[in-house]
Amino acid sequence: MVRARLVPDLPRQAWVVLSGDSLSAVGTGLTLPFFVVYLHRVRGLDLEVATLALSALALASLVGNVLSGALTDSIGARRTLVLGLAGSAAGTAWFGFVSSVWQAFAAAALIGLGNATSWPAQDALLAAAVPVARRSSAFSLRHATLNLGFGIGAVGAAVIASFSSVRSFEVLYVLDAATFAAFALLLVSLRGIGERVAARSAAERAGYRAVLCDRVLLRIWVLAALLTVVGYAQYNAAFAAFASSTGGLSSHALAVAFAVNMFAVALLQLPVLHALLGRRRTSSLALAFASIGLSWAVAVLAGRLSSFAAIVAFALAMGIFAVGETLISPTLAPMVNDIAPDRLRGRYNGMYTLALTVGFVVGPVLAGVGLGVGDGSPFLLALVVACAVGCVGSLRLRRYARDFDVVGPTHDEEAVPVPA
């Protein structure tokens, strides 16, 4: 028996998309931690105003998800992605030089619109660039390289950024914008994938109405939104607040915990994909909910420890969370693309991304309320319960997912080279 490759064998077009995505991830990693604190400490805006600017970004993202789906089906995934990247580049470059409240809101909205337009189009483009059996592999590899890029960017930010230097942040945002522009230029020369597909039926011409009638997609949508609310959104909103207040972690210790997460994802993603090949995606999704729930349980325990033990426990929580992330990437996005008709692939990805965006909007609101109860532990325990609900929902999805419930090809199939 031929053993499967650890690094998936993908077509050249897929590697072009993944390379550009990795480059833009490095740029995003340069600026990712600084949005609110940059506006407040460097540009002198009130903290409340800076937070509202972040909300403007999120609201623009809601519009961008829906718009991207329609544009992808109308003009093609590649052209839509180029438009989104151009918007992200322009918004990010502008954000680095804002000097007033209205500029901060406008630049943030442009960033949100550009990013939200890019995401569904890129998912559709990557899905079109690989054979159906290798979609899980492609999306897993994307998640690994994305986190590696974030980690590299974060290291660069630590070297360049200084709250006492406005110029240092201008450099960060210009570099971030340049990576978006470079990705767009890379796509201009890409041909043969991501073009507009003609509608073949009345249902495909119906657009979002047809998408909303797909009950399987709606079930996946609910699970994706729940996973974002209890997982990714709390990673950004709840973990740092709980660990630094209840857990007493310093900024440096908190940075260590996040670094453990990012590099754990980069290191574990391909081995986890290798272990999942030929197994059920619904089981992988249930395990992802279980891993994230376990990470919050460990975080609650860490909040009761002190000194070095707390640092280790919070880092362990983020490592367990990383395992959950590696289980998500071969499942949700590939399932959405497997059930999507070619002509509606953009709208299907737009709806899926909308679920994630809704989760990112709702999650921080819940965290703001929940962390105020006691020392924040009851809220994290509520997340554990919600993750258990997600486990059950994932296993119930199995009855509707028989035709697309396998993570990639078998090990022997994975070993067969894919022609470019």
Protein backbone atom coordinates (compact mmCIF):
# COMPACT_ATOMS: atom_id res chain seq x y z
CA MET A 1 0.00 0.00 0.00
CA VAL A 2 1.30 3.45 -0.94
CA ARG A 3 1.28 5.84 1.98
CA ALA A 4 -0.39 9.21 1.63
CA ARG A 5 1.69 12.33 1.29
CA LEU A 6 1.74 14.60 4.35
CA VAL A 7 1.68 17.66 2.07
CA PRO A 8 -1.23 17.23 -0.39
CA ASP A 9 -0.43 17.04 -4.09
CA LEU A 10 -2.48 19.91 -5.55
CA PRO A 11 -2.69 21.52 -8.99
CA ARG A 12 -0.50 24.52 -9.77
CA GLN A 13 -3.50 26.86 -9.82
CA ALA A 14 -4.33 25.89 -6.23
CA TRP A 15 -0.75 26.62 -5.14
CA VAL A 16 -0.97 30.08 -6.72
CA VAL A 17 -4.10 30.85 -4.70
CA LEU A 18 -2.58 29.44 -1.51
CA SER A 19 0.68 31.35 -2.01
CA GLY A 20 -1.11 34.66 -2.44
CA ASP A 21 -3.30 33.94 0.56
CA SER A 22 -0.24 33.16 2.69
CA LEU A 23 1.43 36.39 1.63
CA SER A 24 -1.62 38.47 2.55
CA ALA A 25 -1.81 36.58 5.88
CA VAL A 26 1.68 37.81 6.75
CA GLY A 27 0.48 41.35 6.16
CA THR A 28 -2.66 40.79 8.23
CA GLY A 29 -0.54 39.37 11.05
CA LEU A 30 1.38 42.66 11.13
CA THR A 31 -1.74 44.63 12.06
CA LEU A 32 -4.24 42.10 13.44
CA PRO A 33 -3.72 42.79 17.19
CA PHE A 34 -3.70 46.58 16.91
CA PHE A 35 -6.99 47.83 15.42
CA VAL A 36 -8.62 49.37 18.51
CA VAL A 37 -5.43 50.13 20.43
CA TYR A 38 -3.93 51.83 17.34
CA LEU A 39 -6.87 54.21 16.99
CA HIS A 40 -6.91 54.90 20.73
CA ARG A 41 -3.24 55.14 21.71
CA VAL A 42 -1.61 56.21 18.43
CA ARG A 43 -4.31 58.34 16.78
CA GLY A 44 -5.83 59.65 20.01
CA LEU A 45 -9.45 58.60 19.43
CA ASP A 46 -11.65 57.82 22.42
CA LEU A 47 -11.77 54.13 23.26
CA GLU A 48 -15.54 54.04 22.70
CA VAL A 49 -15.12 55.56 19.24
CA ALA A 50 -12.36 53.12 18.35
CA THR A 51 -14.60 50.21 19.35
CA LEU A 52 -17.45 51.59 17.24
CA ALA A 53 -15.07 51.76 14.27
CA LEU A 54 -14.54 48.03 14.70
CA SER A 55 -18.32 47.61 14.61
CA ALA A 56 -18.41 49.56 11.34
CA LEU A 57 -15.95 47.03 9.92
CA ALA A 58 -18.21 44.17 11.02
CA LEU A 59 -21.36 45.75 9.57
CA ALA A 60 -19.63 46.37 6.24
CA SER A 61 -18.58 42.71 6.28
CA LEU A 62 -22.22 41.62 6.44
CA VAL A 63 -22.89 43.56 3.24
CA GLY A 64 -19.70 42.30 1.61
CA ASN A 65 -20.52 38.61 2.18
CA VAL A 66 -23.84 38.85 0.33
CA LEU A 67 -22.42 41.11 -2.39
CA SER A 68 -19.45 38.80 -2.95
CA GLY A 69 -21.68 35.77 -3.50
CA ALA A 70 -23.68 37.54 -6.19
CA LEU A 71 -20.57 39.03 -7.85
CA THR A 72 -18.76 35.69 -7.88
CA ASP A 73 -21.63 34.06 -9.75
CA SER A 74 -21.98 37.07 -12.09
CA ILE A 75 -18.39 37.92 -13.04
CA GLY A 76 -16.41 34.95 -11.68
CA ALA A 77 -14.53 34.17 -8.47
CA ARG A 78 -11.14 35.39 -9.70
CA ARG A 79 -12.35 38.87 -10.72
CA THR A 80 -14.40 39.22 -7.54
CA LEU A 81 -11.40 38.27 -5.43
CA VAL A 82 -9.25 40.86 -7.21
CA LEU A 83 -11.89 43.53 -6.50
CA GLY A 84 -12.04 42.51 -2.84
CA LEU A 85 -8.27 42.56 -2.47
CA ALA A 86 -8.12 46.00 -4.08
CA GLY A 87 -10.68 47.27 -1.56
CA SER A 88 -8.74 45.73 1.33
CA ALA A 89 -5.48 47.26 0.10
CA ALA A 90 -7.01 50.71 -0.28
CA GLY A 91 -8.77 50.58 3.08
CA THR A 92 -5.72 49.29 4.95
CA ALA A 93 -3.39 51.90 3.44
CA TRP A 94 -5.88 54.66 4.30
CA PHE A 95 -6.33 53.31 7.83
CA GLY A 96 -2.62 53.75 8.47
CA PHE A 97 -2.95 57.53 7.96
CA VAL A 98 -6.36 58.38 9.45
CA SER A 99 -6.51 61.66 11.35
CA SER A 100 -10.20 62.04 12.19
CA VAL A 101 -13.20 60.02 13.35
CA TRP A 102 -14.94 59.96 9.98
CA GLN A 103 -11.77 58.75 8.27
CA ALA A 104 -11.38 55.96 10.82
CA PHE A 105 -14.97 54.80 10.22
CA ALA A 106 -14.73 55.07 6.44
CA ALA A 107 -11.39 53.25 6.23
CA ALA A 108 -12.62 50.53 8.60
CA ALA A 109 -15.78 50.05 6.54
CA LEU A 110 -13.71 49.80 3.34
CA ILE A 111 -11.46 47.18 4.98
CA GLY A 112 -14.51 45.21 6.11
CA LEU A 113 -16.14 45.40 2.69
CA GLY A 114 -12.93 44.36 0.93
CA ASN A 115 -12.18 41.47 3.28
CA ALA A 116 -15.76 40.21 3.20
CA THR A 117 -15.82 40.38 -0.59
CA SER A 118 -12.55 38.47 -0.82
CA TRP A 119 -13.36 35.58 1.52
CA PRO A 120 -16.30 33.89 -0.30
CA ALA A 121 -14.68 34.49 -3.68
CA GLN A 122 -11.43 32.93 -2.51
CA ASP A 123 -13.23 29.89 -1.10
CA ALA A 124 -15.05 29.45 -4.41
CA LEU A 125 -11.82 29.91 -6.38
CA LEU A 126 -9.88 27.40 -4.29
CA ALA A 127 -12.73 24.87 -4.54
CA ALA A 128 -12.72 25.25 -8.33
CA ALA A 129 -8.93 24.84 -8.50
CA VAL A 130 -8.86 21.29 -7.10
CA PRO A 131 -10.67 17.99 -7.77
CA VAL A 132 -13.66 17.36 -5.49
CA ALA A 133 -11.81 14.62 -3.57
CA ARG A 134 -9.03 17.05 -2.62
CA ARG A 135 -11.11 19.95 -1.34
CA SER A 136 -10.60 18.97 2.29
CA SER A 137 -6.85 18.79 1.67
CA ALA A 138 -6.78 22.20 -0.01
CA PHE A 139 -8.77 23.94 2.71
CA SER A 140 -6.71 22.28 5.44
CA LEU A 141 -3.48 23.40 3.81
CA ARG A 142 -4.90 26.90 3.49
CA HIS A 143 -5.64 26.99 7.23
CA ALA A 144 -2.12 25.85 8.06
CA THR A 145 -0.40 28.39 5.83
CA LEU A 146 -2.81 31.11 6.96
CA ASN A 147 -1.86 30.63 10.61
CA LEU A 148 1.81 30.39 9.74
CA GLY A 149 1.48 33.70 7.91
CA PHE A 150 -0.30 35.28 10.88
CA GLY A 151 2.47 34.07 13.18
CA ILE A 152 5.24 35.43 10.95
CA GLY A 153 3.41 38.75 10.69
CA ALA A 154 2.96 38.93 14.46
CA VAL A 155 6.70 38.44 14.94
CA GLY A 156 7.34 41.22 12.45
CA ALA A 157 4.88 43.49 14.28
CA ALA A 158 6.70 42.88 17.55
CA VAL A 159 9.90 44.14 15.90
CA ILE A 160 8.44 47.16 14.10
CA ALA A 161 5.56 48.48 16.24
CA SER A 162 6.05 51.09 18.95
CA PHE A 163 3.20 53.02 20.57
CA SER A 164 5.48 56.03 20.80
CA SER A 165 6.07 56.08 17.04
CA VAL A 166 3.26 56.96 14.62
CA ARG A 167 5.58 56.20 11.72
CA SER A 168 6.04 52.59 12.85
CA PHE A 169 2.29 51.97 12.51
CA GLU A 170 2.16 53.74 9.17
CA VAL A 171 4.84 51.31 7.98
CA LEU A 172 2.85 48.32 9.29
CA TYR A 173 -0.34 49.31 7.51
CA VAL A 174 1.43 50.15 4.25
CA LEU A 175 3.13 46.74 4.32
CA ASP A 176 -0.22 45.07 5.02
CA ALA A 177 -1.80 46.90 2.06
CA ALA A 178 1.11 45.90 -0.17
CA THR A 179 0.52 42.19 0.52
CA PHE A 180 -3.14 42.51 -0.57
CA ALA A 181 -2.03 44.28 -3.75
CA ALA A 182 0.61 41.61 -4.44
CA PHE A 183 -2.01 38.85 -4.10
CA ALA A 184 -4.28 40.71 -6.55
CA LEU A 185 -1.46 41.04 -9.09
CA LEU A 186 -0.71 37.34 -8.74
CA LEU A 187 -4.33 36.53 -9.63
CA VAL A 188 -4.40 38.75 -12.70
CA SER A 189 -2.16 36.28 -14.53
CA LEU A 190 -4.14 33.23 -13.32
CA ARG A 191 -6.29 31.75 -16.06
CA GLY A 192 -8.54 28.72 -16.49
CA ILE A 193 -10.40 28.79 -13.15
CA GLY A 194 -12.82 31.07 -11.37
CA GLU A 195 -14.65 32.24 -14.48
CA ARG A 196 -18.38 32.89 -14.69
CA VAL A 197 -20.50 29.75 -15.17
CA ALA A 198 -23.73 30.01 -17.19
CA ALA A 199 -26.95 29.10 -15.40
CA ARG A 200 -28.42 25.79 -16.59
CA SER A 201 -31.74 25.80 -14.73
CA ALA A 202 -34.42 28.12 -13.37
CA ALA A 203 -33.28 27.33 -9.83
CA GLU A 204 -29.75 28.49 -10.60
CA ARG A 205 -31.12 31.70 -12.10
CA ALA A 206 -33.11 32.30 -8.92
CA GLY A 207 -29.94 33.28 -7.03
CA TYR A 208 -30.18 33.55 -3.25
CA ARG A 209 -33.77 32.29 -3.24
CA ALA A 210 -32.52 28.90 -4.43
CA VAL A 211 -29.71 28.93 -1.87
CA LEU A 212 -32.12 29.63 0.98
CA CYS A 213 -34.23 26.63 -0.06
CA ASP A 214 -31.32 24.23 0.48
CA ARG A 215 -32.08 22.73 3.89
CA VAL A 216 -28.71 21.01 4.14
CA LEU A 217 -26.92 24.32 3.66
CA LEU A 218 -29.12 25.94 6.30
CA ARG A 219 -28.19 23.22 8.80
CA ILE A 220 -24.50 23.74 8.02
CA TRP A 221 -25.08 27.51 8.33
CA VAL A 222 -26.46 27.18 11.85
CA LEU A 223 -23.58 24.95 12.94
CA ALA A 224 -21.02 27.32 11.39
CA ALA A 225 -22.57 30.33 13.14
CA LEU A 226 -22.68 28.48 16.47
CA LEU A 227 -19.08 27.33 16.07
CA THR A 228 -17.98 30.91 15.43
CA VAL A 229 -19.93 32.28 18.40
CA VAL A 230 -18.52 29.75 20.88
CA GLY A 231 -15.12 29.41 19.22
CA TYR A 232 -13.39 31.98 17.03
CA ALA A 233 -15.31 34.98 18.37
CA GLN A 234 -14.47 34.09 21.99
CA TYR A 235 -10.86 33.44 21.01
CA ASN A 236 -10.76 37.14 20.11
CA ALA A 237 -13.21 38.58 22.63
CA ALA A 238 -13.29 36.44 25.79
CA PHE A 239 -10.01 34.59 26.17
CA ALA A 240 -7.68 37.58 26.50
CA ALA A 241 -10.07 39.41 28.84
CA PHE A 242 -10.56 36.36 31.10
CA ALA A 243 -6.90 35.33 31.11
CA SER A 244 -5.61 38.82 31.90
CA SER A 245 -8.22 39.66 34.56
CA THR A 246 -9.30 36.48 36.35
CA GLY A 247 -6.15 34.60 35.37
CA GLY A 248 -3.80 37.51 36.07
CA LEU A 249 -1.68 36.95 32.94
CA SER A 250 0.69 39.69 31.84
CA SER A 251 0.72 40.94 28.25
CA HIS A 252 3.84 38.88 27.55
CA ALA A 253 2.30 35.69 28.96
CA LEU A 254 -0.86 36.34 26.97
CA ALA A 255 1.23 36.70 23.82
CA VAL A 256 2.84 33.34 24.57
CA ALA A 257 -0.59 31.66 24.80
CA PHE A 258 -1.67 33.09 21.43
CA ALA A 259 1.66 32.14 19.86
CA VAL A 260 1.16 28.55 21.08
CA ASN A 261 -2.20 28.52 19.31
CA MET A 262 -0.95 29.92 15.99
CA PHE A 263 2.08 27.70 15.69
CA ALA A 264 0.20 24.63 16.95
CA VAL A 265 -2.28 25.06 14.10
CA ALA A 266 0.54 25.41 11.59
CA LEU A 267 2.30 22.28 12.91
CA LEU A 268 -0.75 20.08 13.49
CA GLN A 269 -2.97 20.87 10.51
CA LEU A 270 -1.39 18.49 7.99
CA PRO A 271 -0.93 15.56 10.41
CA VAL A 272 -4.56 15.96 11.49
CA LEU A 273 -5.69 16.05 7.86
CA HIS A 274 -3.63 12.90 7.22
CA ALA A 275 -5.36 11.16 10.13
CA LEU A 276 -8.84 12.23 8.96
CA LEU A 277 -8.55 11.08 5.34
CA GLY A 278 -11.39 8.72 4.49
CA ARG A 279 -13.28 9.47 7.72
CA ARG A 280 -16.57 11.29 8.31
CA ARG A 281 -16.63 15.07 8.19
CA THR A 282 -19.54 15.15 10.63
CA SER A 283 -17.46 13.23 13.17
CA SER A 284 -14.60 15.69 12.64
CA LEU A 285 -16.98 18.60 13.21
CA ALA A 286 -18.29 17.01 16.43
CA LEU A 287 -14.71 16.54 17.64
CA ALA A 288 -14.00 20.19 16.81
CA PHE A 289 -16.86 21.31 19.06
CA ALA A 290 -15.60 18.92 21.77
CA SER A 291 -12.03 20.26 21.52
CA ILE A 292 -13.15 23.88 21.76
CA GLY A 293 -15.40 23.03 24.71
CA LEU A 294 -12.48 21.31 26.43
CA SER A 295 -10.27 24.35 25.82
CA TRP A 296 -12.76 26.60 27.65
CA ALA A 297 -12.98 24.09 30.52
CA VAL A 298 -9.19 24.13 30.84
CA ALA A 299 -9.25 27.95 30.75
CA VAL A 300 -11.69 27.97 33.70
CA LEU A 301 -9.29 25.71 35.59
CA ALA A 302 -6.36 27.93 34.65
CA GLY A 303 -8.17 30.92 36.13
CA ARG A 304 -7.94 29.25 39.51
CA LEU A 305 -4.21 28.66 39.33
CA SER A 306 -1.41 31.11 39.97
CA SER A 307 1.93 32.14 38.57
CA PHE A 308 3.70 29.75 36.18
CA ALA A 309 1.02 27.06 36.47
CA ALA A 310 -1.60 29.51 35.15
CA ILE A 311 0.58 30.46 32.19
CA VAL A 312 1.08 26.80 31.27
CA ALA A 313 -2.62 26.01 31.67
CA PHE A 314 -3.77 28.94 29.53
CA ALA A 315 -1.22 28.00 26.86
CA LEU A 316 -2.54 24.42 27.02
CA ALA A 317 -6.08 25.74 26.55
CA MET A 318 -4.98 27.54 23.39
CA GLY A 319 -3.18 24.41 22.18
CA ILE A 320 -6.38 22.37 22.60
CA PHE A 321 -8.31 25.11 20.83
CA ALA A 322 -5.83 24.77 17.94
CA VAL A 323 -6.71 21.08 17.63
CA GLY A 324 -10.35 22.10 17.20
CA GLU A 325 -9.36 24.56 14.47
CA THR A 326 -7.49 21.86 12.55
CA LEU A 327 -10.62 19.68 12.65
CA ILE A 328 -12.82 22.45 11.24
CA SER A 329 -10.90 23.32 8.07
CA PRO A 330 -11.36 19.92 6.32
CA THR A 331 -15.08 19.91 7.06
CA LEU A 332 -17.30 23.00 6.83
CA ALA A 333 -16.04 24.90 3.77
CA PRO A 334 -15.48 21.69 1.72
CA MET A 335 -19.01 20.49 2.58
CA VAL A 336 -20.49 23.79 1.43
CA ASN A 337 -18.61 23.59 -1.87
CA ASP A 338 -19.54 19.95 -2.40
CA ILE A 339 -23.28 20.71 -2.26
CA ALA A 340 -23.03 23.96 -4.25
CA PRO A 341 -23.99 23.94 -7.95
CA ASP A 342 -21.24 25.56 -10.03
CA ARG A 343 -23.44 28.49 -11.05
CA LEU A 344 -24.36 29.22 -7.42
CA ARG A 345 -20.99 28.47 -5.83
CA GLY A 346 -20.38 32.13 -5.05
CA ARG A 347 -23.70 32.57 -3.29
CA TYR A 348 -23.24 29.33 -1.32
CA ASN A 349 -19.83 30.55 -0.12
CA GLY A 350 -21.30 33.99 0.54
CA MET A 351 -23.98 32.45 2.77
CA TYR A 352 -21.40 30.31 4.57
CA THR A 353 -19.13 33.29 5.18
CA LEU A 354 -22.15 35.29 6.34
CA ALA A 355 -22.65 32.67 9.08
CA LEU A 356 -19.08 33.27 10.26
CA THR A 357 -19.54 37.04 10.14
CA VAL A 358 -22.79 36.85 12.12
CA GLY A 359 -20.93 34.74 14.68
CA PHE A 360 -18.18 37.36 14.94
CA VAL A 361 -20.81 40.08 15.48
CA VAL A 362 -22.86 38.16 18.07
CA GLY A 363 -19.95 36.52 19.94
CA PRO A 364 -18.30 39.68 21.33
CA VAL A 365 -21.68 41.03 22.44
CA LEU A 366 -22.30 37.86 24.44
CA ALA A 367 -18.78 38.02 25.84
CA GLY A 368 -19.27 41.62 26.97
CA VAL A 369 -22.33 40.58 28.97
CA GLY A 370 -21.18 37.12 30.08
CA LEU A 371 -17.75 38.07 31.37
CA GLY A 372 -19.42 40.48 33.78
CA VAL A 373 -21.09 37.58 35.61
CA GLY A 374 -18.93 36.58 38.56
CA ASP A 375 -15.31 36.24 37.55
CA GLY A 376 -16.22 35.24 33.98
CA SER A 377 -16.06 31.50 34.68
CA PRO A 378 -19.85 30.98 34.38
CA PHE A 379 -19.72 32.38 30.85
CA LEU A 380 -16.91 30.01 29.82
CA LEU A 381 -18.82 27.09 31.33
CA ALA A 382 -21.86 28.16 29.31
CA LEU A 383 -19.63 27.97 26.22
CA VAL A 384 -18.77 24.38 27.18
CA VAL A 385 -22.48 23.53 27.27
CA ALA A 386 -23.04 25.23 23.90
CA CYS A 387 -20.18 23.18 22.45
CA ALA A 388 -21.93 20.02 23.65
CA VAL A 389 -25.04 21.14 21.77
CA GLY A 390 -22.86 21.65 18.70
CA CYS A 391 -21.52 18.09 19.03
CA VAL A 392 -25.05 16.70 18.96
CA GLY A 393 -26.00 18.91 16.01
CA SER A 394 -22.94 17.78 14.07
CA LEU A 395 -23.79 14.11 14.54
CA ARG A 396 -27.42 14.76 13.54
CA LEU A 397 -26.16 16.37 10.32
CA ARG A 398 -24.79 12.96 9.36
CA ARG A 399 -28.17 11.74 8.08
CA TYR A 400 -28.30 14.59 5.55
CA ALA A 401 -24.63 14.42 4.53
CA ARG A 402 -24.17 10.90 3.21
CA ASP A 403 -22.98 12.03 -0.22
CA PHE A 404 -20.30 14.44 1.05
CA ASP A 405 -19.42 13.11 4.50
CA VAL A 406 -15.87 11.92 3.80
CA VAL A 407 -12.73 13.96 4.43
CA GLY A 408 -10.92 13.82 1.10
CA PRO A 409 -9.85 10.70 -0.79
CA THR A 410 -8.56 7.49 0.66
CA HIS A 411 -4.85 7.28 1.49
CA ASP A 412 -4.09 5.52 -1.79
CA GLU A 413 -6.01 8.10 -3.82
CA GLU A 414 -4.19 10.92 -2.05
CA ALA A 415 -0.88 9.47 -3.17
CA VAL A 416 -1.81 9.78 -6.87
CA PRO A 417 -0.37 12.97 -8.41
CA VAL A 418 -2.86 15.56 -9.67
CA PRO A 419 -2.19 16.96 -13.17
CA ALA A 420 -1.75 20.70 -13.37
